[in-house]
Amino acid sequence: VCVLSIPHVLNLIPKSSLAGILIIVGYKLAKP
């Protein structure tokens, strides 16, 4: 629904914030 209706809004999401989410999730899955 978001891709079809508000693609311009999705393009405003900073890639750095998505990268931060990936880093946090990755750390939880591969913590020391």
PDB file of all heavy atoms in Angstrom:
ATOM      1  N   VAL A   1       0.840  -1.208   0.000  1.00  0.00           N
ATOM      2  CA  VAL A   1       0.000   0.000   0.000  1.00  0.00           C
ATOM      3  C   VAL A   1       0.872   1.253   0.000  1.00  0.00           C
ATOM      4  O   VAL A   1       0.616   2.219  -0.744  1.00  0.00           O
ATOM      5  CB  VAL A   1      -0.939  -0.003   1.217  1.00  0.00           C
ATOM      6  CG1 VAL A   1      -1.647   1.357   1.358  1.00  0.00           C
ATOM      7  CG2 VAL A   1      -1.971  -1.113   1.094  1.00  0.00           C
ATOM      8  N   CYS A   2       1.935   1.240   0.805  1.00  0.00           N
ATOM      9  CA  CYS A   2       2.810   2.413   0.877  1.00  0.00           C
ATOM     10  C   CYS A   2       3.556   2.646  -0.436  1.00  0.00           C
ATOM     11  O   CYS A   2       3.696   3.786  -0.894  1.00  0.00           O
ATOM     12  CB  CYS A   2       3.812   2.247   2.019  1.00  0.00           C
ATOM     13  SG  CYS A   2       3.085   2.312   3.666  1.00  0.00           S
ATOM     14  N   VAL A   3       4.037   1.563  -1.056  1.00  0.00           N
ATOM     15  CA  VAL A   3       4.766   1.695  -2.315  1.00  0.00           C
ATOM     16  C   VAL A   3       3.864   2.235  -3.411  1.00  0.00           C
ATOM     17  O   VAL A   3       4.276   3.059  -4.245  1.00  0.00           O
ATOM     18  CB  VAL A   3       5.372   0.340  -2.728  1.00  0.00           C
ATOM     19  CG1 VAL A   3       5.879   0.385  -4.162  1.00  0.00           C
ATOM     20  CG2 VAL A   3       6.520  -0.034  -1.786  1.00  0.00           C
ATOM     21  N   LEU A   4       2.609   1.804  -3.434  1.00  0.00           N
ATOM     22  CA  LEU A   4       1.687   2.229  -4.483  1.00  0.00           C
ATOM     23  C   LEU A   4       1.088   3.607  -4.226  1.00  0.00           C
ATOM     24  O   LEU A   4       0.737   4.323  -5.176  1.00  0.00           O
ATOM     25  CB  LEU A   4       0.557   1.205  -4.630  1.00  0.00           C
ATOM     26  CG  LEU A   4       0.970  -0.193  -5.124  1.00  0.00           C
ATOM     27  CD1 LEU A   4      -0.244  -1.109  -5.166  1.00  0.00           C
ATOM     28  CD2 LEU A   4       1.622  -0.107  -6.497  1.00  0.00           C
ATOM     29  N   SER A   5       0.965   3.988  -2.970  1.00  0.00           N
ATOM     30  CA  SER A   5       0.259   5.231  -2.662  1.00  0.00           C
ATOM     31  C   SER A   5       1.184   6.400  -2.303  1.00  0.00           C
ATOM     32  O   SER A   5       0.910   7.550  -2.680  1.00  0.00           O
ATOM     33  CB  SER A   5      -0.732   5.006  -1.513  1.00  0.00           C
ATOM     34  OG  SER A   5      -0.044   4.572  -0.350  1.00  0.00           O
ATOM     35  N   ILE A   6       2.245   6.152  -1.582  1.00  0.00           N
ATOM     36  CA  ILE A   6       3.109   7.263  -1.139  1.00  0.00           C
ATOM     37  C   ILE A   6       4.586   6.971  -1.449  1.00  0.00           C
ATOM     38  O   ILE A   6       5.444   7.044  -0.554  1.00  0.00           O
ATOM     39  CB  ILE A   6       2.926   7.543   0.365  1.00  0.00           C
ATOM     40  CG1 ILE A   6       3.118   6.237   1.180  1.00  0.00           C
ATOM     41  CG2 ILE A   6       1.577   8.143   0.649  1.00  0.00           C
ATOM     42  CD1 ILE A   6       3.161   6.475   2.689  1.00  0.00           C
ATOM     43  N   PRO A   7       4.911   6.644  -2.693  1.00  0.00           N
ATOM     44  CA  PRO A   7       6.319   6.341  -3.002  1.00  0.00           C
ATOM     45  C   PRO A   7       7.237   7.535  -2.775  1.00  0.00           C
ATOM     46  O   PRO A   7       8.400   7.374  -2.397  1.00  0.00           O
ATOM     47  CB  PRO A   7       6.281   5.946  -4.478  1.00  0.00           C
ATOM     48  CG  PRO A   7       5.041   6.574  -5.015  1.00  0.00           C
ATOM     49  CD  PRO A   7       4.055   6.539  -3.881  1.00  0.00           C
ATOM     50  N   HIS A   8       6.713   8.773  -3.004  1.00  0.00           N
ATOM     51  CA  HIS A   8       7.540   9.971  -2.816  1.00  0.00           C
ATOM     52  C   HIS A   8       7.901  10.164  -1.346  1.00  0.00           C
ATOM     53  O   HIS A   8       8.975  10.679  -1.021  1.00  0.00           O
ATOM     54  CB  HIS A   8       6.794  11.203  -3.342  1.00  0.00           C
ATOM     55  CG  HIS A   8       5.465  11.418  -2.716  1.00  0.00           C
ATOM     56  ND1 HIS A   8       4.345  10.662  -3.043  1.00  0.00           N
ATOM     57  CD2 HIS A   8       5.061  12.303  -1.752  1.00  0.00           C
ATOM     58  CE1 HIS A   8       3.309  11.073  -2.332  1.00  0.00           C
ATOM     59  NE2 HIS A   8       3.720  12.060  -1.542  1.00  0.00           N
ATOM     60  N   VAL A   9       7.016   9.755  -0.436  1.00  0.00           N
ATOM     61  CA  VAL A   9       7.307   9.847   0.997  1.00  0.00           C
ATOM     62  C   VAL A   9       8.371   8.834   1.389  1.00  0.00           C
ATOM     63  O   VAL A   9       9.277   9.126   2.186  1.00  0.00           O
ATOM     64  CB  VAL A   9       6.025   9.635   1.834  1.00  0.00           C
ATOM     65  CG1 VAL A   9       6.349   9.637   3.329  1.00  0.00           C
ATOM     66  CG2 VAL A   9       4.995  10.716   1.520  1.00  0.00           C
ATOM     67  N   LEU A  10       8.282   7.620   0.837  1.00  0.00           N
ATOM     68  CA  LEU A  10       9.276   6.588   1.135  1.00  0.00           C
ATOM     69  C   LEU A  10      10.666   7.015   0.685  1.00  0.00           C
ATOM     70  O   LEU A  10      11.670   6.688   1.324  1.00  0.00           O
ATOM     71  CB  LEU A  10       8.891   5.271   0.451  1.00  0.00           C
ATOM     72  CG  LEU A  10       7.581   4.618   0.908  1.00  0.00           C
ATOM     73  CD1 LEU A  10       7.333   3.329   0.131  1.00  0.00           C
ATOM     74  CD2 LEU A  10       7.611   4.325   2.402  1.00  0.00           C
ATOM     75  N   ASN A  11      10.710   7.781  -0.415  1.00  0.00           N
ATOM     76  CA  ASN A  11      12.001   8.251  -0.914  1.00  0.00           C
ATOM     77  C   ASN A  11      12.645   9.282   0.012  1.00  0.00           C
ATOM     78  O   ASN A  11      13.849   9.546  -0.085  1.00  0.00           O
ATOM     79  CB  ASN A  11      11.847   8.870  -2.310  1.00  0.00           C
ATOM     80  CG  ASN A  11      11.590   7.803  -3.366  1.00  0.00           C
ATOM     81  OD1 ASN A  11      12.018   6.664  -3.222  1.00  0.00           O
ATOM     82  ND2 ASN A  11      10.887   8.177  -4.424  1.00  0.00           N
ATOM     83  N   LEU A  12      11.846   9.857   0.915  1.00  0.00           N
ATOM     84  CA  LEU A  12      12.378  10.852   1.849  1.00  0.00           C
ATOM     85  C   LEU A  12      13.038  10.220   3.063  1.00  0.00           C
ATOM     86  O   LEU A  12      13.704  10.921   3.834  1.00  0.00           O
ATOM     87  CB  LEU A  12      11.249  11.791   2.307  1.00  0.00           C
ATOM     88  CG  LEU A  12      10.575  12.634   1.211  1.00  0.00           C
ATOM     89  CD1 LEU A  12       9.423  13.449   1.804  1.00  0.00           C
ATOM     90  CD2 LEU A  12      11.590  13.564   0.548  1.00  0.00           C
ATOM     91  N   ILE A  13      12.844   8.916   3.260  1.00  0.00           N
ATOM     92  CA  ILE A  13      13.446   8.232   4.423  1.00  0.00           C
ATOM     93  C   ILE A  13      14.954   8.157   4.230  1.00  0.00           C
ATOM     94  O   ILE A  13      15.421   7.615   3.231  1.00  0.00           O
ATOM     95  CB  ILE A  13      12.864   6.811   4.586  1.00  0.00           C
ATOM     96  CG1 ILE A  13      11.350   6.878   4.816  1.00  0.00           C
ATOM     97  CG2 ILE A  13      13.548   6.081   5.751  1.00  0.00           C
ATOM     98  CD1 ILE A  13      10.683   5.506   4.889  1.00  0.00           C
ATOM     99  N   PRO A  14      15.741   8.707   5.144  1.00  0.00           N
ATOM    100  CA  PRO A  14      17.211   8.674   4.987  1.00  0.00           C
ATOM    101  C   PRO A  14      17.734   7.235   5.017  1.00  0.00           C
ATOM    102  O   PRO A  14      17.312   6.430   5.853  1.00  0.00           O
ATOM    103  CB  PRO A  14      17.717   9.467   6.202  1.00  0.00           C
ATOM    104  CG  PRO A  14      16.539  10.240   6.697  1.00  0.00           C
ATOM    105  CD  PRO A  14      15.330   9.420   6.359  1.00  0.00           C
ATOM    106  N   LYS A  15      18.619   6.939   4.091  1.00  0.00           N
ATOM    107  CA  LYS A  15      19.197   5.603   4.065  1.00  0.00           C
ATOM    108  C   LYS A  15      20.032   5.328   5.313  1.00  0.00           C
ATOM    109  O   LYS A  15      20.190   4.174   5.730  1.00  0.00           O
ATOM    110  CB  LYS A  15      20.051   5.435   2.812  1.00  0.00           C
ATOM    111  CG  LYS A  15      19.244   5.438   1.518  1.00  0.00           C
ATOM    112  CD  LYS A  15      20.134   5.200   0.310  1.00  0.00           C
ATOM    113  CE  LYS A  15      19.302   5.183  -0.972  1.00  0.00           C
ATOM    114  NZ  LYS A  15      20.157   4.970  -2.166  1.00  0.00           N
ATOM    115  N   SER A  16      20.566   6.373   5.920  1.00  0.00           N
ATOM    116  CA  SER A  16      21.359   6.199   7.136  1.00  0.00           C
ATOM    117  C   SER A  16      20.518   5.649   8.281  1.00  0.00           C
ATOM    118  O   SER A  16      21.004   4.862   9.097  1.00  0.00           O
ATOM    119  CB  SER A  16      21.996   7.520   7.543  1.00  0.00           C
ATOM    120  OG  SER A  16      20.997   8.515   7.732  1.00  0.00           O
ATOM    121  N   SER A  17      19.234   6.058   8.334  1.00  0.00           N
ATOM    122  CA  SER A  17      18.357   5.535   9.392  1.00  0.00           C
ATOM    123  C   SER A  17      18.062   4.050   9.169  1.00  0.00           C
ATOM    124  O   SER A  17      18.012   3.270  10.124  1.00  0.00           O
ATOM    125  CB  SER A  17      17.054   6.331   9.436  1.00  0.00           C
ATOM    126  OG  SER A  17      16.324   6.181   8.223  1.00  0.00           O
ATOM    127  N   LEU A  18      17.893   3.678   7.904  1.00  0.00           N
ATOM    128  CA  LEU A  18      17.690   2.256   7.598  1.00  0.00           C
ATOM    129  C   LEU A  18      18.953   1.453   7.916  1.00  0.00           C
ATOM    130  O   LEU A  18      18.877   0.335   8.430  1.00  0.00           O
ATOM    131  CB  LEU A  18      17.323   2.088   6.119  1.00  0.00           C
ATOM    132  CG  LEU A  18      16.024   2.756   5.664  1.00  0.00           C
ATOM    133  CD1 LEU A  18      15.834   2.554   4.158  1.00  0.00           C
ATOM    134  CD2 LEU A  18      14.833   2.189   6.417  1.00  0.00           C
ATOM    135  N   ALA A  19      20.110   2.055   7.629  1.00  0.00           N
ATOM    136  CA  ALA A  19      21.369   1.385   7.939  1.00  0.00           C
ATOM    137  C   ALA A  19      21.522   1.201   9.447  1.00  0.00           C
ATOM    138  O   ALA A  19      22.014   0.166   9.916  1.00  0.00           O
ATOM    139  CB  ALA A  19      22.544   2.184   7.380  1.00  0.00           C
ATOM    140  N   GLY A  20      21.099   2.201  10.210  1.00  0.00           N
ATOM    141  CA  GLY A  20      21.162   2.094  11.671  1.00  0.00           C
ATOM    142  C   GLY A  20      20.318   0.955  12.200  1.00  0.00           C
ATOM    143  O   GLY A  20      20.734   0.231  13.114  1.00  0.00           O
ATOM    144  N   ILE A  21      19.120   0.787  11.620  1.00  0.00           N
ATOM    145  CA  ILE A  21      18.247  -0.313  12.033  1.00  0.00           C
ATOM    146  C   ILE A  21      18.913  -1.654  11.732  1.00  0.00           C
ATOM    147  O   ILE A  21      18.893  -2.588  12.555  1.00  0.00           O
ATOM    148  CB  ILE A  21      16.888  -0.210  11.319  1.00  0.00           C
ATOM    149  CG1 ILE A  21      16.147   1.053  11.767  1.00  0.00           C
ATOM    150  CG2 ILE A  21      16.043  -1.448  11.594  1.00  0.00           C
ATOM    151  CD1 ILE A  21      14.870   1.320  10.996  1.00  0.00           C
ATOM    152  N   LEU A  22      19.510  -1.758  10.544  1.00  0.00           N
ATOM    153  CA  LEU A  22      20.193  -3.002  10.170  1.00  0.00           C
ATOM    154  C   LEU A  22      21.354  -3.301  11.111  1.00  0.00           C
ATOM    155  O   LEU A  22      21.585  -4.463  11.480  1.00  0.00           O
ATOM    156  CB  LEU A  22      20.693  -2.906   8.729  1.00  0.00           C
ATOM    157  CG  LEU A  22      19.621  -2.923   7.634  1.00  0.00           C
ATOM    158  CD1 LEU A  22      20.265  -2.694   6.271  1.00  0.00           C
ATOM    159  CD2 LEU A  22      18.861  -4.237   7.631  1.00  0.00           C
ATOM    160  N   ILE A  23      22.093  -2.264  11.492  1.00  0.00           N
ATOM    161  CA  ILE A  23      23.228  -2.466  12.397  1.00  0.00           C
ATOM    162  C   ILE A  23      22.757  -2.981  13.762  1.00  0.00           C
ATOM    163  O   ILE A  23      23.342  -3.914  14.328  1.00  0.00           O
ATOM    164  CB  ILE A  23      24.025  -1.153  12.561  1.00  0.00           C
ATOM    165  CG1 ILE A  23      24.737  -0.817  11.239  1.00  0.00           C
ATOM    166  CG2 ILE A  23      25.040  -1.273  13.689  1.00  0.00           C
ATOM    167  CD1 ILE A  23      25.398   0.550  11.248  1.00  0.00           C
ATOM    168  N   ILE A  24      21.684  -2.388  14.281  1.00  0.00           N
ATOM    169  CA  ILE A  24      21.164  -2.805  15.589  1.00  0.00           C
ATOM    170  C   ILE A  24      20.675  -4.260  15.527  1.00  0.00           C
ATOM    171  O   ILE A  24      20.985  -5.077  16.408  1.00  0.00           O
ATOM    172  CB  ILE A  24      20.010  -1.885  16.040  1.00  0.00           C
ATOM    173  CG1 ILE A  24      20.542  -0.480  16.313  1.00  0.00           C
ATOM    174  CG2 ILE A  24      19.335  -2.447  17.278  1.00  0.00           C
ATOM    175  CD1 ILE A  24      21.574  -0.409  17.421  1.00  0.00           C
ATOM    176  N   VAL A  25      19.907  -4.579  14.487  1.00  0.00           N
ATOM    177  CA  VAL A  25      19.395  -5.949  14.352  1.00  0.00           C
ATOM    178  C   VAL A  25      20.553  -6.931  14.168  1.00  0.00           C
ATOM    179  O   VAL A  25      20.581  -8.009  14.767  1.00  0.00           O
ATOM    180  CB  VAL A  25      18.408  -6.044  13.169  1.00  0.00           C
ATOM    181  CG1 VAL A  25      18.017  -7.492  12.918  1.00  0.00           C
ATOM    182  CG2 VAL A  25      17.164  -5.205  13.447  1.00  0.00           C
ATOM    183  N   GLY A  26      21.523  -6.542  13.334  1.00  0.00           N
ATOM    184  CA  GLY A  26      22.679  -7.411  13.124  1.00  0.00           C
ATOM    185  C   GLY A  26      23.462  -7.649  14.400  1.00  0.00           C
ATOM    186  O   GLY A  26      23.934  -8.761  14.656  1.00  0.00           O
ATOM    187  N   TYR A  27      23.606  -6.606  15.221  1.00  0.00           N
ATOM    188  CA  TYR A  27      24.322  -6.754  16.488  1.00  0.00           C
ATOM    189  C   TYR A  27      23.598  -7.723  17.414  1.00  0.00           C
ATOM    190  O   TYR A  27      24.227  -8.549  18.088  1.00  0.00           O
ATOM    191  CB  TYR A  27      24.472  -5.392  17.160  1.00  0.00           C
ATOM    192  CG  TYR A  27      25.102  -5.479  18.534  1.00  0.00           C
ATOM    193  CD1 TYR A  27      26.478  -5.627  18.674  1.00  0.00           C
ATOM    194  CD2 TYR A  27      24.316  -5.431  19.684  1.00  0.00           C
ATOM    195  CE1 TYR A  27      27.066  -5.729  19.933  1.00  0.00           C
ATOM    196  CE2 TYR A  27      24.888  -5.529  20.945  1.00  0.00           C
ATOM    197  CZ  TYR A  27      26.258  -5.684  21.065  1.00  0.00           C
ATOM    198  OH  TYR A  27      26.816  -5.793  22.307  1.00  0.00           O
ATOM    199  N   LYS A  28      22.265  -7.621  17.446  1.00  0.00           N
ATOM    200  CA  LYS A  28      21.506  -8.522  18.321  1.00  0.00           C
ATOM    201  C   LYS A  28      21.625  -9.977  17.875  1.00  0.00           C
ATOM    202  O   LYS A  28      21.587 -10.897  18.688  1.00  0.00           O
ATOM    203  CB  LYS A  28      20.033  -8.103  18.342  1.00  0.00           C
ATOM    204  CG  LYS A  28      19.786  -6.790  19.084  1.00  0.00           C
ATOM    205  CD  LYS A  28      18.301  -6.450  19.128  1.00  0.00           C
ATOM    206  CE  LYS A  28      18.064  -5.174  19.908  1.00  0.00           C
ATOM    207  NZ  LYS A  28      16.619  -4.827  19.960  1.00  0.00           N
ATOM    208  N   LEU A  29      21.762 -10.181  16.561  1.00  0.00           N
ATOM    209  CA  LEU A  29      21.871 -11.545  16.042  1.00  0.00           C
ATOM    210  C   LEU A  29      23.296 -12.077  16.139  1.00  0.00           C
ATOM    211  O   LEU A  29      23.502 -13.296  16.151  1.00  0.00           O
ATOM    212  CB  LEU A  29      21.400 -11.581  14.585  1.00  0.00           C
ATOM    213  CG  LEU A  29      19.918 -11.328  14.351  1.00  0.00           C
ATOM    214  CD1 LEU A  29      19.626 -11.212  12.858  1.00  0.00           C
ATOM    215  CD2 LEU A  29      19.076 -12.431  14.962  1.00  0.00           C
ATOM    216  N   ALA A  30      24.283 -11.198  16.165  1.00  0.00           N
ATOM    217  CA  ALA A  30      25.690 -11.630  16.203  1.00  0.00           C
ATOM    218  C   ALA A  30      26.450 -10.863  17.278  1.00  0.00           C
ATOM    219  O   ALA A  30      27.539 -10.348  17.035  1.00  0.00           O
ATOM    220  CB  ALA A  30      26.338 -11.436  14.838  1.00  0.00           C
ATOM    221  N   LYS A  31      25.895 -10.799  18.463  1.00  0.00           N
ATOM    222  CA  LYS A  31      26.552 -10.087  19.561  1.00  0.00           C
ATOM    223  C   LYS A  31      27.739 -10.894  20.091  1.00  0.00           C
ATOM    224  O   LYS A  31      27.834 -12.110  19.869  1.00  0.00           O
ATOM    225  CB  LYS A  31      25.550  -9.796  20.671  1.00  0.00           C
ATOM    226  CG  LYS A  31      24.751 -10.988  21.141  1.00  0.00           C
ATOM    227  CD  LYS A  31      23.641 -10.540  22.068  1.00  0.00           C
ATOM    228  CE  LYS A  31      22.757 -11.725  22.471  1.00  0.00           C
ATOM    229  NZ  LYS A  31      21.637 -11.309  23.317  1.00  0.00           N
ATOM    230  N   PRO A  32      28.668 -10.253  20.782  1.00  0.00           N
ATOM    231  CA  PRO A  32      29.875 -10.941  21.271  1.00  0.00           C
ATOM    232  C   PRO A  32      29.588 -12.182  22.104  1.00  0.00           C
ATOM    233  O   PRO A  32      30.385 -13.128  22.103  1.00  0.00           O
ATOM    234  CB  PRO A  32      30.557  -9.854  22.119  1.00  0.00           C
ATOM    235  CG  PRO A  32      30.112  -8.564  21.506  1.00  0.00           C
ATOM    236  CD  PRO A  32      28.711  -8.808  21.047  1.00  0.00           C
TER     237      PRO A  32
END
